Each structure stands twice: as structure tokens, then as C-alpha cells.
C-alpha atoms as a PDB file:
ATOM      1  CA  UNK A   1      -9.635 -40.276  65.079  1.00  0.00           C
ATOM      2  CA  UNK A   2      -7.067 -38.147  62.178  1.00  0.00           C
ATOM      3  CA  UNK A   3      -6.067 -38.949  59.277  1.00  0.00           C
ATOM      4  CA  UNK A   4      -2.515 -39.051  58.845  1.00  0.00           C
ATOM      5  CA  UNK A   5      -0.765 -36.312  56.753  1.00  0.00           C
ATOM      6  CA  UNK A   6       1.703 -38.152  54.891  1.00  0.00           C
ATOM      7  CA  UNK A   7       3.742 -36.980  51.948  1.00  0.00           C
ATOM      8  CA  UNK A   8       2.174 -39.525  49.793  1.00  0.00           C
ATOM      9  CA  UNK A   9      -1.064 -38.544  50.621  1.00  0.00           C
ATOM     10  CA  UNK A  10       0.046 -34.995  50.395  1.00  0.00           C
ATOM     11  CA  UNK A  11       1.613 -36.099  46.631  1.00  0.00           C
ATOM     12  CA  UNK A  12      -2.039 -38.307  45.959  1.00  0.00           C
ATOM     13  CA  UNK A  13      -4.378 -34.827  46.753  1.00  0.00           C
ATOM     14  CA  UNK A  14      -2.161 -32.889  44.410  1.00  0.00           C
ATOM     15  CA  UNK A  15      -2.425 -35.398  41.610  1.00  0.00           C
ATOM     16  CA  UNK A  16      -6.133 -35.707  42.066  1.00  0.00           C
ATOM     17  CA  UNK A  17      -6.576 -31.868  41.948  1.00  0.00           C
ATOM     18  CA  UNK A  18      -4.305 -31.544  38.707  1.00  0.00           C
ATOM     19  CA  UNK A  19      -6.365 -34.420  37.268  1.00  0.00           C
ATOM     20  CA  UNK A  20      -9.547 -32.915  38.182  1.00  0.00           C
ATOM     21  CA  UNK A  21      -8.532 -28.948  36.689  1.00  0.00           C
ATOM     22  CA  UNK A  22      -7.185 -31.102  33.498  1.00  0.00           C
ATOM     23  CA  UNK A  23     -10.928 -32.787  32.853  1.00  0.00           C
ATOM     24  CA  UNK A  24     -12.633 -29.221  33.281  1.00  0.00           C
ATOM     25  CA  UNK A  25     -10.215 -27.818  30.757  1.00  0.00           C
ATOM     26  CA  UNK A  26     -10.257 -30.801  28.511  1.00  0.00           C
ATOM     27  CA  UNK A  27     -14.399 -30.368  28.608  1.00  0.00           C
ATOM     28  CA  UNK A  28     -14.398 -26.744  28.103  1.00  0.00           C
ATOM     29  CA  UNK A  29     -12.459 -26.829  25.206  1.00  0.00           C
ATOM     30  CA  UNK A  30     -14.268 -29.441  23.627  1.00  0.00           C
ATOM     31  CA  UNK A  31     -17.311 -27.294  24.068  1.00  0.00           C
ATOM     32  CA  UNK A  32     -19.113 -26.435  20.888  1.00  0.00           C
ATOM     33  CA  UNK A  33     -20.080 -22.805  21.624  1.00  0.00           C
ATOM     34  CA  UNK A  34     -16.430 -22.579  22.522  1.00  0.00           C
ATOM     35  CA  UNK A  35     -14.939 -23.884  19.331  1.00  0.00           C
ATOM     36  CA  UNK A  36     -17.925 -21.531  17.479  1.00  0.00           C
ATOM     37  CA  UNK A  37     -16.778 -18.440  19.214  1.00  0.00           C
ATOM     38  CA  UNK A  38     -12.935 -19.218  17.909  1.00  0.00           C
ATOM     39  CA  UNK A  39     -14.076 -19.948  14.609  1.00  0.00           C
ATOM     40  CA  UNK A  40     -15.772 -16.854  14.606  1.00  0.00           C
ATOM     41  CA  UNK A  41     -13.268 -14.902  15.939  1.00  0.00           C
ATOM     42  CA  UNK A  42     -10.738 -16.394  13.182  1.00  0.00           C
ATOM     43  CA  UNK A  43     -13.154 -15.383  10.676  1.00  0.00           C
ATOM     44  CA  UNK A  44     -13.439 -11.883  11.851  1.00  0.00           C
ATOM     45  CA  UNK A  45      -9.216 -11.962  11.698  1.00  0.00           C
ATOM     46  CA  UNK A  46      -9.250 -13.404   8.305  1.00  0.00           C
ATOM     47  CA  UNK A  47     -11.560 -10.969   6.884  1.00  0.00           C
ATOM     48  CA  UNK A  48      -9.545  -8.179   8.901  1.00  0.00           C
ATOM     49  CA  UNK A  49      -6.329  -9.302   6.984  1.00  0.00           C
ATOM     50  CA  UNK A  50      -8.348  -9.202   3.785  1.00  0.00           C
ATOM     51  CA  UNK A  51      -9.586  -6.004   4.364  1.00  0.00           C
ATOM     52  CA  UNK A  52      -5.981  -5.000   5.553  1.00  0.00           C
ATOM     53  CA  UNK A  53      -4.432  -6.442   2.476  1.00  0.00           C
ATOM     54  CA  UNK A  54      -6.930  -5.034  -0.164  1.00  0.00           C
ATOM     55  CA  UNK A  55      -6.306  -1.483   1.652  1.00  0.00           C
ATOM     56  CA  UNK A  56      -2.494  -1.984   0.828  1.00  0.00           C
ATOM     57  CA  UNK A  57      -3.004  -2.884  -2.401  1.00  0.00           C
ATOM     58  CA  UNK A  58      -5.346   0.146  -3.422  1.00  0.00           C
ATOM     59  CA  UNK A  59      -2.610   2.384  -1.453  1.00  0.00           C
ATOM     60  CA  UNK A  60       0.177   0.952  -3.682  1.00  0.00           C
ATOM     61  CA  UNK A  61      -1.905   1.192  -6.867  1.00  0.00           C
ATOM     62  CA  UNK A  62      -2.664   4.636  -5.863  1.00  0.00           C
ATOM     63  CA  UNK A  63       1.073   5.130  -5.198  1.00  0.00           C
ATOM     64  CA  UNK A  64       1.846   3.930  -8.484  1.00  0.00           C
ATOM     65  CA  UNK A  65      -0.669   6.125 -10.470  1.00  0.00           C
ATOM     66  CA  UNK A  66       0.736   9.011  -8.654  1.00  0.00           C
ATOM     67  CA  UNK A  67       4.364   8.602  -9.407  1.00  0.00           C
ATOM     68  CA  UNK A  68       3.272   7.536 -12.831  1.00  0.00           C
ATOM     69  CA  UNK A  69       1.376  10.928 -13.365  1.00  0.00           C
ATOM     70  CA  UNK A  70       4.305  13.018 -12.080  1.00  0.00           C
ATOM     71  CA  UNK A  71       6.677  11.057 -14.728  1.00  0.00           C
ATOM     72  CA  UNK A  72       4.279  11.759 -17.344  1.00  0.00           C
ATOM     73  CA  UNK A  73       4.159  15.757 -16.044  1.00  0.00           C
ATOM     74  CA  UNK A  74       8.157  15.662 -15.892  1.00  0.00           C
ATOM     75  CA  UNK A  75       8.506  14.365 -19.437  1.00  0.00           C
ATOM     76  CA  UNK A  76       6.130  17.043 -20.890  1.00  0.00           C
ATOM     77  CA  UNK A  77       7.516  19.516 -19.332  1.00  0.00           C
ATOM     78  CA  UNK A  78      11.220  18.344 -20.589  1.00  0.00           C
ATOM     79  CA  UNK A  79       9.542  17.944 -23.879  1.00  0.00           C
ATOM     80  CA  UNK A  80       8.157  21.488 -23.431  1.00  0.00           C
ATOM     81  CA  UNK A  81      11.574  22.829 -22.599  1.00  0.00           C
ATOM     82  CA  UNK A  82      13.009  21.131 -25.471  1.00  0.00           C
ATOM     83  CA  UNK A  83      10.915  21.994 -27.538  1.00  0.00           C
ATOM     84  CA  UNK A  84      11.100  25.827 -26.387  1.00  0.00           C
ATOM     85  CA  UNK A  85      14.852  25.611 -26.306  1.00  0.00           C
ATOM     86  CA  UNK A  86      15.215  24.467 -29.865  1.00  0.00           C
ATOM     87  CA  UNK A  87      12.878  27.205 -31.207  1.00  0.00           C
ATOM     88  CA  UNK A  88      15.360  29.543 -29.630  1.00  0.00           C
ATOM     89  CA  UNK A  89      18.325  27.992 -31.049  1.00  0.00           C
ATOM     90  CA  UNK A  90      16.512  28.274 -34.702  1.00  0.00           C
ATOM     91  CA  UNK A  91      15.621  31.666 -33.980  1.00  0.00           C
ATOM     92  CA  UNK A  92      18.844  32.726 -33.005  1.00  0.00           C
ATOM     93  CA  UNK A  93      20.398  31.251 -35.967  1.00  0.00           C
ATOM     94  CA  UNK A  94      17.570  32.689 -38.439  1.00  0.00           C
ATOM     95  CA  UNK A  95      18.893  36.070 -36.943  1.00  0.00           C
ATOM     96  CA  UNK A  96      22.367  35.611 -37.240  1.00  0.00           C
ATOM     97  CA  UNK A  97      21.831  34.112 -40.971  1.00  0.00           C
ATOM     98  CA  UNK A  98      19.907  37.207 -41.706  1.00  0.00           C
ATOM     99  CA  UNK A  99      22.474  39.427 -40.088  1.00  0.00           C
ATOM    100  CA  UNK A 100      25.103  37.351 -42.076  1.00  0.00           C
ATOM    101  CA  UNK A 101      23.471  37.864 -45.159  1.00  0.00           C
ATOM    102  CA  UNK A 102      22.673  41.701 -44.712  1.00  0.00           C
ATOM    103  CA  UNK A 103      26.390  42.652 -43.899  1.00  0.00           C
ATOM    104  CA  UNK A 104      27.578  42.412 -47.533  1.00  0.00           C
ATOM    105  CA  UNK A 105      24.478  44.685 -48.460  1.00  0.00           C
ATOM    106  CA  UNK A 106      25.635  46.876 -45.319  1.00  0.00           C
ATOM    107  CA  UNK A 107      29.060  46.968 -46.705  1.00  0.00           C
ATOM    108  CA  UNK A 108      27.906  47.865 -50.361  1.00  0.00           C
ATOM    109  CA  UNK A 109      25.397  50.684 -49.201  1.00  0.00           C
ATOM    110  CA  UNK A 110      27.944  52.211 -47.171  1.00  0.00           C
ATOM    111  CA  UNK A 111      30.882  52.283 -49.799  1.00  0.00           C
ATOM    112  CA  UNK A 112      28.263  53.423 -52.180  1.00  0.00           C
ATOM    113  CA  UNK A 113      27.140  56.126 -50.005  1.00  0.00           C
ATOM    114  CA  UNK A 114      30.818  57.056 -49.046  1.00  0.00           C
ATOM    115  CA  UNK A 115      31.740  57.541 -52.890  1.00  0.00           C
ATOM    116  CA  UNK A 116      28.585  59.463 -53.125  1.00  0.00           C
ATOM    117  CA  UNK A 117      29.629  61.613 -50.738  1.00  0.00           C
ATOM    118  CA  UNK A 118      32.884  61.975 -52.321  1.00  0.00           C
ATOM    119  CA  UNK A 119      31.358  62.566 -55.752  1.00  0.00           C
ATOM    120  CA  UNK A 120      29.108  65.167 -54.305  1.00  0.00           C
ATOM    121  CA  UNK A 121      31.910  66.787 -52.712  1.00  0.00           C
ATOM    122  CA  UNK A 122      33.783  66.721 -56.125  1.00  0.00           C
ATOM    123  CA  UNK A 123      30.936  68.417 -57.997  1.00  0.00           C
ATOM    124  CA  UNK A 124      29.954  71.256 -55.394  1.00  0.00           C
ATOM    125  CA  UNK A 125      31.369  74.377 -56.222  1.00  0.00           C
ATOM    126  CA  UNK A 126      33.867  75.484 -53.385  1.00  0.00           C
ATOM    127  CA  UNK A 127      32.393  79.163 -53.456  1.00  0.00           C
ATOM    128  CA  UNK A 128      28.797  78.250 -54.386  1.00  0.00           C
ATOM    129  CA  UNK A 129      26.972  76.924 -56.606  1.00  0.00           C
ATOM    130  CA  UNK A 130      27.742  77.778 -60.493  1.00  0.00           C
ATOM    131  CA  UNK A 131      23.855  77.137 -61.720  1.00  0.00           C
ATOM    132  CA  UNK A 132      22.739  80.232 -59.223  1.00  0.00           C
ATOM    133  CA  UNK A 133      22.986  83.328 -60.313  1.00  0.00           C
ATOM    134  CA  UNK A 134      24.946  85.729 -58.291  1.00  0.00           C
ATOM    135  CA  UNK A 135      23.688  87.334 -55.306  1.00  0.00           C
ATOM    136  CA  UNK A 136      24.220  90.693 -55.425  1.00  0.00           C
ATOM    137  CA  UNK A 137      25.341  92.471 -52.224  1.00  0.00           C
ATOM    138  CA  UNK A 138      23.334  94.987 -50.978  1.00  0.00           C
END
């Protein structure tokens, strides 16, 4: 005699198969070995995340140190450029002051030289030096 294949029997068979499958997965899920593997994986993931966080922190610190060093070098360079510019300006001011201080002396010396030439020209005989004996024409 054959078993009747009715809708109700197919539904019951499907329900029983699902129930057996659920029981099997529940047994696997509550297995201590599997739980230990899950805990081990979680520990590995946590350690990896900690290493990545430490690496990111180290990179951030290195970037900050590099930026601070670059900023320090730029400030030193700017200070050196300011110092050189100030020295150059001071030297130019000193030279200008010397030039301005020397100008009246130069003008006075020029006037003195001009006057001395004029006086020398007045005192010089036009036909020769009077103190020298005349040369005889031979």
C-alpha cells in the first residue's frame, strides 16, 4: 500500500525538515569549540584594530613633528632674512650718513682748491717765473 501524498503530509515533512535543520544549527552554535574560535577571532580583530590605531597615532605624531620642524625652519629663515635686511638697511643708512657728512668737506675742499688755483694763477708771472734768471738765447 502506498502512502498518500497530500498537501498536509508535504507541509508536515517540510516543517520536520526545518525543525531538524534548526536543531542542528542550534547544536553547532552552542558548541564550545566554535565559541572559542569566535572569541579567538574577536581577539585577533581587536588586536589588529589596536595596532592600526597605534600606527595611525604614530603617523599623526610624525606628521605633527614634521610640520613643527618645517614651521621652525621657516621661522628661522624669515628671522635670518629680516636680520640681513635690517643689516643692509643699517649699512645703507650709515653710508648715506657718511656721504652727507663728507659733502660739506668736499664742497669746502673744492672751493679751497679753486681759490688756491686762482691765487696761484694770480701770482704766477705771465712771461715766466720772475725769480728765475732769464735764459740767454743762444
